[in-house]
Amino acid sequence: MTPSGSAKWASNSLNKDGNDFIEQPSAPCFLGKNPSRCGTNPSFAHSSVNGGQTGRRLRDRGAGMATSRRIHSFKTPCELCPLRPLPHFREFSRDELEFVSRFKRGELAVDAGSTILVEGAHSAHLFTVLSGWGFRYKMLEDGRRQILNYIMPGDLIGLQGTIAGEMQHSIEALSPVSLCVFERDRLMTLYNKHASLAFDITWIAAREERILDEHLLSIGRRTALERAAYLIAFLYERGRKLDLFNGRKFIPITQQHIADTLGLSIVHTNKTLRKLGERGLIRWQERGCEVQNGEELMAIAGWEGLGEGKRPFI
């Protein structure tokens, strides 16, 4: 059976002969759409989220970690991280940068549509998104999905599994995603020796809480038109600050993603998005949404924007 999602793992480890390929038993298995269990293929790892299968049931079937993985030296030294020059992020001190360089285990490349982490799984790693778009979600037993939030470069994922022992939600890639991989077991060293980085993680968690507050307000009190305007404006503003658009203000989401975020039927979502399109605010395309007037979307939603200056990342 051909896998529909894949992940490629790159690490900073070398074998004893100095070659850049070694067998790595602890490399993570990132769960995609194929129902096969994770194996030892060096180019992908996969499992499934079919219909009503929840993360816990997937875990009980054996999804989680690969037993062996062939890896190679990571591609991006922390000193050359493409996120560091962006004005949206705060600068690292020399000591912080040296620690994060040691903390980093490697990098992972994930295909669009692959599940990065699955609800109920235990992971030995934390991840910072280096590039790409994704989303966090939970599913009911009958397959109904609620999208909780969207991930973009600089976001830290997997922290909940570190604190709670297992993931309480799943994460899927909307586009090809690159991840920096960190060892969860070294997190206490960060807290003990680098107070500024520990504060950064606290800030990231508090920011996520603030974003979810706004999402809940939107679902609970905004009209369907206001909800859709808010969500698209929110994603647009985040992408703009991260310089993700390169002139074309394109967000790689489908109408089903918007429906699953806003708690609307796909029919209601389609009618609502058509109204925004008729006003010249968005243009819907086959693989996503092009924003044509972000300020007017914010005005319809009654949303004043992200309201944050420089932010940290790990």
C-alpha atoms as a PDB file:
ATOM      1  CA  MET A   1       0.000   0.000   0.000  1.00  0.00           C
ATOM      2  CA  THR A   2       1.480   3.374  -0.987  1.00  0.00           C
ATOM      3  CA  PRO A   3       1.827   5.838   1.904  1.00  0.00           C
ATOM      4  CA  SER A   4       0.030   9.152   1.457  1.00  0.00           C
ATOM      5  CA  GLY A   5       2.103  10.982   4.052  1.00  0.00           C
ATOM      6  CA  SER A   6       5.825  10.929   4.687  1.00  0.00           C
ATOM      7  CA  ALA A   7       8.569  12.343   6.853  1.00  0.00           C
ATOM      8  CA  LYS A   8      12.311  12.491   6.411  1.00  0.00           C
ATOM      9  CA  TRP A   9      14.548  12.729   9.445  1.00  0.00           C
ATOM     10  CA  ALA A  10      17.913  14.502   9.600  1.00  0.00           C
ATOM     11  CA  SER A  11      20.161  14.545  12.675  1.00  0.00           C
ATOM     12  CA  ASN A  12      23.460  15.966  13.820  1.00  0.00           C
ATOM     13  CA  SER A  13      24.836  12.493  14.632  1.00  0.00           C
ATOM     14  CA  LEU A  14      27.661  10.833  12.683  1.00  0.00           C
ATOM     15  CA  ASN A  15      28.803   7.245  12.816  1.00  0.00           C
ATOM     16  CA  LYS A  16      32.213   6.220  14.078  1.00  0.00           C
ATOM     17  CA  ASP A  17      33.693   6.332  10.560  1.00  0.00           C
ATOM     18  CA  GLY A  18      32.606   9.938  10.092  1.00  0.00           C
ATOM     19  CA  ASN A  19      29.944   9.078   7.530  1.00  0.00           C
ATOM     20  CA  ASP A  20      26.679  10.938   7.719  1.00  0.00           C
ATOM     21  CA  PHE A  21      24.358   7.903   7.697  1.00  0.00           C
ATOM     22  CA  ILE A  22      23.749   5.830  10.829  1.00  0.00           C
ATOM     23  CA  GLU A  23      20.997   3.690  12.279  1.00  0.00           C
ATOM     24  CA  GLN A  24      19.090   5.734  14.852  1.00  0.00           C
ATOM     25  CA  PRO A  25      16.761   3.700  17.096  1.00  0.00           C
ATOM     26  CA  SER A  26      15.232   6.753  18.781  1.00  0.00           C
ATOM     27  CA  ALA A  27      14.168   8.635  15.667  1.00  0.00           C
ATOM     28  CA  PRO A  28      10.515   9.645  15.860  1.00  0.00           C
ATOM     29  CA  CYS A  29       7.664   8.145  13.904  1.00  0.00           C
ATOM     30  CA  PHE A  30       5.374  10.831  12.568  1.00  0.00           C
ATOM     31  CA  LEU A  31       1.970   9.551  11.771  1.00  0.00           C
ATOM     32  CA  GLY A  32       0.409  10.068   8.376  1.00  0.00           C
ATOM     33  CA  LYS A  33      -2.645   8.666   6.625  1.00  0.00           C
ATOM     34  CA  ASN A  34      -1.616   5.120   5.748  1.00  0.00           C
ATOM     35  CA  PRO A  35      -2.882   2.414   8.133  1.00  0.00           C
ATOM     36  CA  SER A  36       0.449   0.550   8.190  1.00  0.00           C
ATOM     37  CA  ARG A  37       2.487   0.655  11.367  1.00  0.00           C
ATOM     38  CA  CYS A  38       5.739   2.565  11.416  1.00  0.00           C
ATOM     39  CA  GLY A  39       8.598   0.479  10.073  1.00  0.00           C
ATOM     40  CA  THR A  40      12.234   0.954   9.184  1.00  0.00           C
ATOM     41  CA  ASN A  41      11.993   2.535   5.743  1.00  0.00           C
ATOM     42  CA  PRO A  42      14.575   5.338   5.789  1.00  0.00           C
ATOM     43  CA  SER A  43      12.424   7.838   3.921  1.00  0.00           C
ATOM     44  CA  PHE A  44       9.059   7.730   5.667  1.00  0.00           C
ATOM     45  CA  ALA A  45       7.068   6.737   8.722  1.00  0.00           C
ATOM     46  CA  HIS A  46       3.306   6.453   8.715  1.00  0.00           C
ATOM     47  CA  SER A  47       0.137   5.326  10.441  1.00  0.00           C
ATOM     48  CA  SER A  48      -3.500   6.353  10.131  1.00  0.00           C
ATOM     49  CA  VAL A  49      -6.335   8.514  11.311  1.00  0.00           C
ATOM     50  CA  ASN A  50      -9.324   6.837   9.626  1.00  0.00           C
ATOM     51  CA  GLY A  51     -12.841   8.036  10.296  1.00  0.00           C
ATOM     52  CA  GLY A  52     -13.569   7.642  13.987  1.00  0.00           C
ATOM     53  CA  GLN A  53     -10.156   6.370  15.030  1.00  0.00           C
ATOM     54  CA  THR A  54      -8.925   8.556  17.867  1.00  0.00           C
ATOM     55  CA  GLY A  55      -5.306   9.038  18.830  1.00  0.00           C
ATOM     56  CA  ARG A  56      -5.655   6.800  21.854  1.00  0.00           C
ATOM     57  CA  ARG A  57      -6.939   3.902  19.762  1.00  0.00           C
ATOM     58  CA  LEU A  58      -4.128   4.441  17.283  1.00  0.00           C
ATOM     59  CA  ARG A  59      -1.630   4.329  20.114  1.00  0.00           C
ATOM     60  CA  ASP A  60      -3.162   1.114  21.422  1.00  0.00           C
ATOM     61  CA  ARG A  61      -2.655  -0.403  17.961  1.00  0.00           C
ATOM     62  CA  GLY A  62       1.069   0.325  18.223  1.00  0.00           C
ATOM     63  CA  ALA A  63       1.453   3.717  16.533  1.00  0.00           C
ATOM     64  CA  GLY A  64       4.093   5.914  18.117  1.00  0.00           C
ATOM     65  CA  MET A  65       7.812   5.456  17.644  1.00  0.00           C
ATOM     66  CA  ALA A  66       9.868   3.804  14.950  1.00  0.00           C
ATOM     67  CA  THR A  67      12.262   1.060  15.987  1.00  0.00           C
ATOM     68  CA  SER A  68      15.022   2.093  13.589  1.00  0.00           C
ATOM     69  CA  ARG A  69      15.698   5.009  11.299  1.00  0.00           C
ATOM     70  CA  ARG A  70      18.555   5.894   8.959  1.00  0.00           C
ATOM     71  CA  ILE A  71      19.432   9.576   9.415  1.00  0.00           C
ATOM     72  CA  HIS A  72      21.964  12.128   8.227  1.00  0.00           C
ATOM     73  CA  SER A  73      23.556  15.358   9.464  1.00  0.00           C
ATOM     74  CA  PHE A  74      21.102  18.221   9.944  1.00  0.00           C
ATOM     75  CA  LYS A  75      20.934  20.878   7.267  1.00  0.00           C
ATOM     76  CA  THR A  76      20.594  24.188   9.105  1.00  0.00           C
ATOM     77  CA  PRO A  77      23.009  25.285  11.862  1.00  0.00           C
ATOM     78  CA  CYS A  78      21.224  27.402  14.477  1.00  0.00           C
ATOM     79  CA  GLU A  79      23.547  30.303  13.647  1.00  0.00           C
ATOM     80  CA  LEU A  80      22.099  30.288  10.102  1.00  0.00           C
ATOM     81  CA  CYS A  81      18.455  29.725  11.097  1.00  0.00           C
ATOM     82  CA  PRO A  82      16.250  31.517   8.531  1.00  0.00           C
ATOM     83  CA  LEU A  83      13.941  32.732  11.317  1.00  0.00           C
ATOM     84  CA  ARG A  84      16.623  34.703  13.173  1.00  0.00           C
ATOM     85  CA  PRO A  85      16.827  37.641  10.738  1.00  0.00           C
ATOM     86  CA  LEU A  86      13.042  38.209  10.785  1.00  0.00           C
ATOM     87  CA  PRO A  87      12.135  41.351  12.781  1.00  0.00           C
ATOM     88  CA  HIS A  88       9.186  39.476  14.320  1.00  0.00           C
ATOM     89  CA  PHE A  89      11.523  37.415  16.571  1.00  0.00           C
ATOM     90  CA  ARG A  90      13.756  38.512  19.424  1.00  0.00           C
ATOM     91  CA  GLU A  91      17.506  37.991  19.191  1.00  0.00           C
ATOM     92  CA  PHE A  92      19.371  35.197  21.005  1.00  0.00           C
ATOM     93  CA  SER A  93      22.323  35.891  23.260  1.00  0.00           C
ATOM     94  CA  ARG A  94      25.520  33.992  22.490  1.00  0.00           C
ATOM     95  CA  ASP A  95      24.978  31.623  25.461  1.00  0.00           C
ATOM     96  CA  GLU A  96      21.364  30.969  24.439  1.00  0.00           C
ATOM     97  CA  LEU A  97      22.343  30.223  20.865  1.00  0.00           C
ATOM     98  CA  GLU A  98      25.085  27.813  21.961  1.00  0.00           C
ATOM     99  CA  PHE A  99      22.676  25.952  24.246  1.00  0.00           C
ATOM    100  CA  VAL A 100      19.925  25.709  21.622  1.00  0.00           C
ATOM    101  CA  SER A 101      22.504  24.394  19.133  1.00  0.00           C
ATOM    102  CA  ARG A 102      23.334  21.571  21.572  1.00  0.00           C
ATOM    103  CA  PHE A 103      19.668  21.084  22.498  1.00  0.00           C
ATOM    104  CA  LYS A 104      18.735  20.569  18.850  1.00  0.00           C
ATOM    105  CA  ARG A 105      18.687  16.907  17.828  1.00  0.00           C
ATOM    106  CA  GLY A 106      18.153  17.364  14.113  1.00  0.00           C
ATOM    107  CA  GLU A 107      15.523  18.317  11.548  1.00  0.00           C
ATOM    108  CA  LEU A 108      12.476  16.653  10.048  1.00  0.00           C
ATOM    109  CA  ALA A 109      10.838  17.262   6.666  1.00  0.00           C
ATOM    110  CA  VAL A 110       7.113  16.438   6.525  1.00  0.00           C
ATOM    111  CA  ASP A 111       4.891  16.222   3.447  1.00  0.00           C
ATOM    112  CA  ALA A 112       1.634  18.152   3.152  1.00  0.00           C
ATOM    113  CA  GLY A 113      -1.226  16.044   4.545  1.00  0.00           C
ATOM    114  CA  SER A 114       0.981  14.035   6.903  1.00  0.00           C
ATOM    115  CA  THR A 115       0.170  13.898  10.606  1.00  0.00           C
ATOM    116  CA  ILE A 116       3.143  15.140  12.610  1.00  0.00           C
ATOM    117  CA  LEU A 117       1.921  14.107  16.075  1.00  0.00           C
ATOM    118  CA  VAL A 118      -1.124  12.036  17.000  1.00  0.00           C
ATOM    119  CA  GLU A 119      -3.410  12.326  20.005  1.00  0.00           C
ATOM    120  CA  GLY A 120      -2.580   9.795  22.723  1.00  0.00           C
ATOM    121  CA  ALA A 121       0.998   9.224  21.526  1.00  0.00           C
ATOM    122  CA  HIS A 122       4.127   9.622  23.630  1.00  0.00           C
ATOM    123  CA  SER A 123       6.965  11.487  21.934  1.00  0.00           C
ATOM    124  CA  ALA A 124      10.568  11.819  23.078  1.00  0.00           C
ATOM    125  CA  HIS A 125      10.861  15.111  21.198  1.00  0.00           C
ATOM    126  CA  LEU A 126       9.745  18.722  21.015  1.00  0.00           C
ATOM    127  CA  PHE A 127       9.636  20.612  17.730  1.00  0.00           C
ATOM    128  CA  THR A 128       9.940  24.152  16.473  1.00  0.00           C
ATOM    129  CA  VAL A 129       8.362  24.816  13.095  1.00  0.00           C
ATOM    130  CA  LEU A 130      11.093  26.034  10.750  1.00  0.00           C
ATOM    131  CA  SER A 131       8.906  26.455   7.659  1.00  0.00           C
ATOM    132  CA  GLY A 132       5.424  25.620   6.439  1.00  0.00           C
ATOM    133  CA  TRP A 133       1.805  25.617   7.689  1.00  0.00           C
ATOM    134  CA  GLY A 134      -0.096  23.088   9.814  1.00  0.00           C
ATOM    135  CA  PHE A 135      -2.953  22.771  12.289  1.00  0.00           C
ATOM    136  CA  ARG A 136      -3.800  21.233  15.664  1.00  0.00           C
ATOM    137  CA  TYR A 137      -7.041  19.285  16.012  1.00  0.00           C
ATOM    138  CA  LYS A 138      -9.093  16.818  18.047  1.00  0.00           C
ATOM    139  CA  MET A 139     -11.532  14.205  16.764  1.00  0.00           C
ATOM    140  CA  LEU A 140     -14.645  12.553  18.136  1.00  0.00           C
ATOM    141  CA  GLU A 141     -15.171   8.805  17.879  1.00  0.00           C
ATOM    142  CA  ASP A 142     -17.463   9.233  14.856  1.00  0.00           C
ATOM    143  CA  GLY A 143     -14.798  11.154  12.913  1.00  0.00           C
ATOM    144  CA  ARG A 144     -16.021  14.711  13.449  1.00  0.00           C
ATOM    145  CA  ARG A 145     -13.031  17.043  13.715  1.00  0.00           C
ATOM    146  CA  GLN A 146     -12.457  20.324  15.535  1.00  0.00           C
ATOM    147  CA  ILE A 147      -9.438  22.349  14.422  1.00  0.00           C
ATOM    148  CA  LEU A 148      -8.041  24.154  17.462  1.00  0.00           C
ATOM    149  CA  ASN A 149      -5.324  26.373  16.025  1.00  0.00           C
ATOM    150  CA  TYR A 150      -2.828  26.700  13.182  1.00  0.00           C
ATOM    151  CA  ILE A 151       0.957  26.305  13.367  1.00  0.00           C
ATOM    152  CA  MET A 152       3.480  28.439  11.509  1.00  0.00           C
ATOM    153  CA  PRO A 153       7.252  29.083  11.627  1.00  0.00           C
ATOM    154  CA  GLY A 154       8.562  29.741  15.124  1.00  0.00           C
ATOM    155  CA  ASP A 155       5.788  27.802  16.889  1.00  0.00           C
ATOM    156  CA  LEU A 156       6.754  25.193  19.487  1.00  0.00           C
ATOM    157  CA  ILE A 157       4.811  21.921  19.277  1.00  0.00           C
ATOM    158  CA  GLY A 158       4.830  18.821  21.473  1.00  0.00           C
ATOM    159  CA  LEU A 159       5.129  20.712  24.778  1.00  0.00           C
ATOM    160  CA  GLN A 160       1.756  19.426  25.949  1.00  0.00           C
ATOM    161  CA  GLY A 161       2.977  15.839  25.589  1.00  0.00           C
ATOM    162  CA  THR A 162       6.033  16.744  27.650  1.00  0.00           C
ATOM    163  CA  ILE A 163       3.921  18.049  30.531  1.00  0.00           C
ATOM    164  CA  ALA A 164       0.909  15.707  30.364  1.00  0.00           C
ATOM    165  CA  GLY A 165       2.767  12.538  29.365  1.00  0.00           C
ATOM    166  CA  GLU A 166       0.867  12.058  26.113  1.00  0.00           C
ATOM    167  CA  MET A 167      -0.481  14.274  23.351  1.00  0.00           C
ATOM    168  CA  GLN A 168      -4.008  15.565  23.904  1.00  0.00           C
ATOM    169  CA  HIS A 169      -4.430  16.621  20.267  1.00  0.00           C
ATOM    170  CA  SER A 170      -3.068  15.765  16.819  1.00  0.00           C
ATOM    171  CA  ILE A 171      -1.087  17.950  14.409  1.00  0.00           C
ATOM    172  CA  GLU A 172      -1.241  17.758  10.608  1.00  0.00           C
ATOM    173  CA  ALA A 173       0.786  19.546   7.934  1.00  0.00           C
ATOM    174  CA  LEU A 174      -1.143  21.816   5.551  1.00  0.00           C
ATOM    175  CA  SER A 175       1.928  22.333   3.357  1.00  0.00           C
ATOM    176  CA  PRO A 176       5.404  20.792   3.320  1.00  0.00           C
ATOM    177  CA  VAL A 177       6.769  21.474   6.820  1.00  0.00           C
ATOM    178  CA  SER A 178      10.319  21.552   8.185  1.00  0.00           C
ATOM    179  CA  LEU A 179      10.797  21.007  11.912  1.00  0.00           C
ATOM    180  CA  CYS A 180      13.707  21.491  14.278  1.00  0.00           C
ATOM    181  CA  VAL A 181      13.781  18.506  16.648  1.00  0.00           C
ATOM    182  CA  PHE A 182      14.728  18.793  20.336  1.00  0.00           C
ATOM    183  CA  GLU A 183      15.118  16.105  22.995  1.00  0.00           C
ATOM    184  CA  ARG A 184      12.381  16.323  25.577  1.00  0.00           C
ATOM    185  CA  ASP A 185      14.631  14.886  28.301  1.00  0.00           C
ATOM    186  CA  ARG A 186      16.868  17.960  28.123  1.00  0.00           C
ATOM    187  CA  LEU A 187      14.047  20.400  28.815  1.00  0.00           C
ATOM    188  CA  MET A 188      14.812  20.521  32.557  1.00  0.00           C
ATOM    189  CA  THR A 189      18.371  21.556  31.753  1.00  0.00           C
ATOM    190  CA  LEU A 190      16.940  24.520  29.882  1.00  0.00           C
ATOM    191  CA  TYR A 191      14.779  25.462  32.883  1.00  0.00           C
ATOM    192  CA  ASN A 192      17.653  25.042  35.351  1.00  0.00           C
ATOM    193  CA  LYS A 193      20.397  26.849  33.439  1.00  0.00           C
ATOM    194  CA  HIS A 194      18.724  29.289  31.062  1.00  0.00           C
ATOM    195  CA  ALA A 195      16.047  31.337  32.800  1.00  0.00           C
ATOM    196  CA  SER A 196      15.499  33.552  29.756  1.00  0.00           C
ATOM    197  CA  LEU A 197      14.726  30.546  27.525  1.00  0.00           C
ATOM    198  CA  ALA A 198      12.469  29.108  30.250  1.00  0.00           C
ATOM    199  CA  PHE A 199      10.578  32.408  30.263  1.00  0.00           C
ATOM    200  CA  ASP A 200      10.314  32.169  26.460  1.00  0.00           C
ATOM    201  CA  ILE A 201       8.581  28.784  26.724  1.00  0.00           C
ATOM    202  CA  THR A 202       6.198  30.225  29.332  1.00  0.00           C
ATOM    203  CA  TRP A 203       5.509  33.163  27.004  1.00  0.00           C
ATOM    204  CA  ILE A 204       4.803  30.807  24.098  1.00  0.00           C
ATOM    205  CA  ALA A 205       2.334  28.796  26.223  1.00  0.00           C
ATOM    206  CA  ALA A 206       0.605  31.969  27.462  1.00  0.00           C
ATOM    207  CA  ARG A 207       0.345  33.293  23.910  1.00  0.00           C
ATOM    208  CA  GLU A 208      -1.304  30.055  22.786  1.00  0.00           C
ATOM    209  CA  GLU A 209      -3.837  30.475  25.589  1.00  0.00           C
ATOM    210  CA  ARG A 210      -4.570  34.041  24.479  1.00  0.00           C
ATOM    211  CA  ILE A 211      -5.099  32.929  20.869  1.00  0.00           C
ATOM    212  CA  LEU A 212      -7.469  30.149  21.973  1.00  0.00           C
ATOM    213  CA  ASP A 213      -9.434  32.707  24.039  1.00  0.00           C
ATOM    214  CA  GLU A 214     -10.029  34.723  20.856  1.00  0.00           C
ATOM    215  CA  HIS A 215     -10.937  31.587  18.887  1.00  0.00           C
ATOM    216  CA  LEU A 216     -13.476  30.548  21.537  1.00  0.00           C
ATOM    217  CA  LEU A 217     -14.988  34.042  21.567  1.00  0.00           C
ATOM    218  CA  SER A 218     -15.325  33.839  17.799  1.00  0.00           C
ATOM    219  CA  ILE A 219     -17.053  30.444  17.809  1.00  0.00           C
ATOM    220  CA  GLY A 220     -19.331  31.379  20.703  1.00  0.00           C
ATOM    221  CA  ARG A 221     -20.375  34.947  19.887  1.00  0.00           C
ATOM    222  CA  ARG A 222     -19.456  36.053  16.348  1.00  0.00           C
ATOM    223  CA  THR A 223     -21.840  35.537  13.442  1.00  0.00           C
ATOM    224  CA  ALA A 224     -20.848  33.104  10.698  1.00  0.00           C
ATOM    225  CA  LEU A 225     -19.637  35.994   8.508  1.00  0.00           C
ATOM    226  CA  GLU A 226     -17.664  37.512  11.381  1.00  0.00           C
ATOM    227  CA  ARG A 227     -16.147  34.118  12.262  1.00  0.00           C
ATOM    228  CA  ALA A 228     -14.937  33.514   8.737  1.00  0.00           C
ATOM    229  CA  ALA A 229     -13.588  37.058   8.430  1.00  0.00           C
ATOM    230  CA  TYR A 230     -11.765  36.714  11.750  1.00  0.00           C
ATOM    231  CA  LEU A 231     -10.168  33.370  10.917  1.00  0.00           C
ATOM    232  CA  ILE A 232      -8.886  34.456   7.520  1.00  0.00           C
ATOM    233  CA  ALA A 233      -7.673  37.798   8.935  1.00  0.00           C
ATOM    234  CA  PHE A 234      -5.933  35.982  11.794  1.00  0.00           C
ATOM    235  CA  LEU A 235      -4.094  33.608   9.450  1.00  0.00           C
ATOM    236  CA  TYR A 236      -3.263  36.461   7.094  1.00  0.00           C
ATOM    237  CA  GLU A 237      -1.819  38.629   9.875  1.00  0.00           C
ATOM    238  CA  ARG A 238       0.308  35.786  11.206  1.00  0.00           C
ATOM    239  CA  GLY A 239       1.591  34.926   7.753  1.00  0.00           C
ATOM    240  CA  ARG A 240       2.324  38.575   6.964  1.00  0.00           C
ATOM    241  CA  LYS A 241       4.429  39.043  10.097  1.00  0.00           C
ATOM    242  CA  LEU A 242       6.398  35.917   9.178  1.00  0.00           C
ATOM    243  CA  ASP A 243       6.929  37.067   5.581  1.00  0.00           C
ATOM    244  CA  LEU A 244       5.272  33.913   4.215  1.00  0.00           C
ATOM    245  CA  PHE A 245       3.485  35.391   1.214  1.00  0.00           C
ATOM    246  CA  ASN A 246       6.194  36.652  -1.154  1.00  0.00           C
ATOM    247  CA  GLY A 247       3.787  39.079  -2.780  1.00  0.00           C
ATOM    248  CA  ARG A 248       0.888  36.628  -3.155  1.00  0.00           C
ATOM    249  CA  LYS A 249      -1.307  36.557  -0.040  1.00  0.00           C
ATOM    250  CA  PHE A 250      -2.205  32.887  -0.303  1.00  0.00           C
ATOM    251  CA  ILE A 251      -3.286  30.741   2.667  1.00  0.00           C
ATOM    252  CA  PRO A 252      -3.132  26.949   2.014  1.00  0.00           C
ATOM    253  CA  ILE A 253      -6.451  25.920   3.574  1.00  0.00           C
ATOM    254  CA  THR A 254      -9.594  24.337   2.168  1.00  0.00           C
ATOM    255  CA  GLN A 255     -13.198  25.218   2.923  1.00  0.00           C
ATOM    256  CA  GLN A 256     -13.366  22.016   4.978  1.00  0.00           C
ATOM    257  CA  HIS A 257     -10.563  23.314   7.212  1.00  0.00           C
ATOM    258  CA  ILE A 258     -12.500  26.536   7.751  1.00  0.00           C
ATOM    259  CA  ALA A 259     -15.709  24.614   8.497  1.00  0.00           C
ATOM    260  CA  ASP A 260     -13.900  22.399  11.026  1.00  0.00           C
ATOM    261  CA  THR A 261     -12.383  25.460  12.693  1.00  0.00           C
ATOM    262  CA  LEU A 262     -15.565  27.516  12.902  1.00  0.00           C
ATOM    263  CA  GLY A 263     -17.966  24.698  13.812  1.00  0.00           C
ATOM    264  CA  LEU A 264     -20.100  25.257  10.703  1.00  0.00           C
ATOM    265  CA  SER A 265     -21.414  22.848   8.080  1.00  0.00           C
ATOM    266  CA  ILE A 266     -19.549  22.823   4.777  1.00  0.00           C
ATOM    267  CA  VAL A 267     -22.666  24.219   3.041  1.00  0.00           C
ATOM    268  CA  HIS A 268     -22.951  27.131   5.492  1.00  0.00           C
ATOM    269  CA  THR A 269     -19.208  27.737   5.207  1.00  0.00           C
ATOM    270  CA  ASN A 270     -19.388  27.847   1.418  1.00  0.00           C
ATOM    271  CA  LYS A 271     -22.237  30.396   1.460  1.00  0.00           C
ATOM    272  CA  THR A 272     -20.397  32.539   4.012  1.00  0.00           C
ATOM    273  CA  LEU A 273     -17.125  32.561   2.091  1.00  0.00           C
ATOM    274  CA  ARG A 274     -19.028  33.415  -1.090  1.00  0.00           C
ATOM    275  CA  LYS A 275     -20.306  36.580   0.625  1.00  0.00           C
ATOM    276  CA  LEU A 276     -16.728  37.601   1.507  1.00  0.00           C
ATOM    277  CA  GLY A 277     -15.715  36.888  -2.070  1.00  0.00           C
ATOM    278  CA  GLU A 278     -18.560  39.006  -3.474  1.00  0.00           C
ATOM    279  CA  ARG A 279     -17.269  41.937  -1.408  1.00  0.00           C
ATOM    280  CA  GLY A 280     -13.856  41.566  -2.998  1.00  0.00           C
ATOM    281  CA  LEU A 281     -12.147  40.581   0.281  1.00  0.00           C
ATOM    282  CA  ILE A 282     -10.975  37.090  -0.673  1.00  0.00           C
ATOM    283  CA  ARG A 283     -10.647  34.965  -3.778  1.00  0.00           C
ATOM    284  CA  TRP A 284     -11.152  31.255  -3.314  1.00  0.00           C
ATOM    285  CA  GLN A 285      -8.952  28.912  -5.324  1.00  0.00           C
ATOM    286  CA  GLU A 286      -8.656  25.147  -5.611  1.00  0.00           C
ATOM    287  CA  ARG A 287      -5.908  24.774  -3.015  1.00  0.00           C
ATOM    288  CA  GLY A 288      -6.513  27.727  -0.746  1.00  0.00           C
ATOM    289  CA  CYS A 289      -7.613  31.282  -0.169  1.00  0.00           C
ATOM    290  CA  GLU A 290      -6.055  34.475  -1.536  1.00  0.00           C
ATOM    291  CA  VAL A 291      -6.598  37.475   0.733  1.00  0.00           C
ATOM    292  CA  GLN A 292      -7.393  40.687  -1.121  1.00  0.00           C
ATOM    293  CA  ASN A 293      -8.280  43.025   1.756  1.00  0.00           C
ATOM    294  CA  GLY A 294      -7.054  41.987   5.187  1.00  0.00           C
ATOM    295  CA  GLU A 295      -7.985  45.287   6.865  1.00  0.00           C
ATOM    296  CA  GLU A 296     -11.621  45.002   5.822  1.00  0.00           C
ATOM    297  CA  LEU A 297     -11.747  41.407   7.070  1.00  0.00           C
ATOM    298  CA  MET A 298     -10.504  42.643  10.464  1.00  0.00           C
ATOM    299  CA  ALA A 299     -13.145  45.376  10.464  1.00  0.00           C
ATOM    300  CA  ILE A 300     -15.972  42.892   9.766  1.00  0.00           C
ATOM    301  CA  ALA A 301     -14.743  40.635  12.590  1.00  0.00           C
ATOM    302  CA  GLY A 302     -14.249  43.539  15.017  1.00  0.00           C
ATOM    303  CA  TRP A 303     -10.724  42.265  15.579  1.00  0.00           C
ATOM    304  CA  GLU A 304      -7.821  44.652  16.171  1.00  0.00           C
ATOM    305  CA  GLY A 305      -5.024  42.272  15.224  1.00  0.00           C
ATOM    306  CA  LEU A 306      -2.358  40.281  17.036  1.00  0.00           C
ATOM    307  CA  GLY A 307      -1.044  43.220  19.034  1.00  0.00           C
ATOM    308  CA  GLU A 308       2.366  41.760  19.798  1.00  0.00           C
ATOM    309  CA  GLY A 309       5.883  43.042  19.236  1.00  0.00           C
ATOM    310  CA  LYS A 310       8.975  40.892  19.031  1.00  0.00           C
ATOM    311  CA  ARG A 311       8.304  37.339  20.130  1.00  0.00           C
ATOM    312  CA  PRO A 312      10.570  34.497  21.246  1.00  0.00           C
ATOM    313  CA  PHE A 313      11.133  31.096  19.685  1.00  0.00           C
ATOM    314  CA  ILE A 314      13.294  28.124  20.606  1.00  0.00           C
END
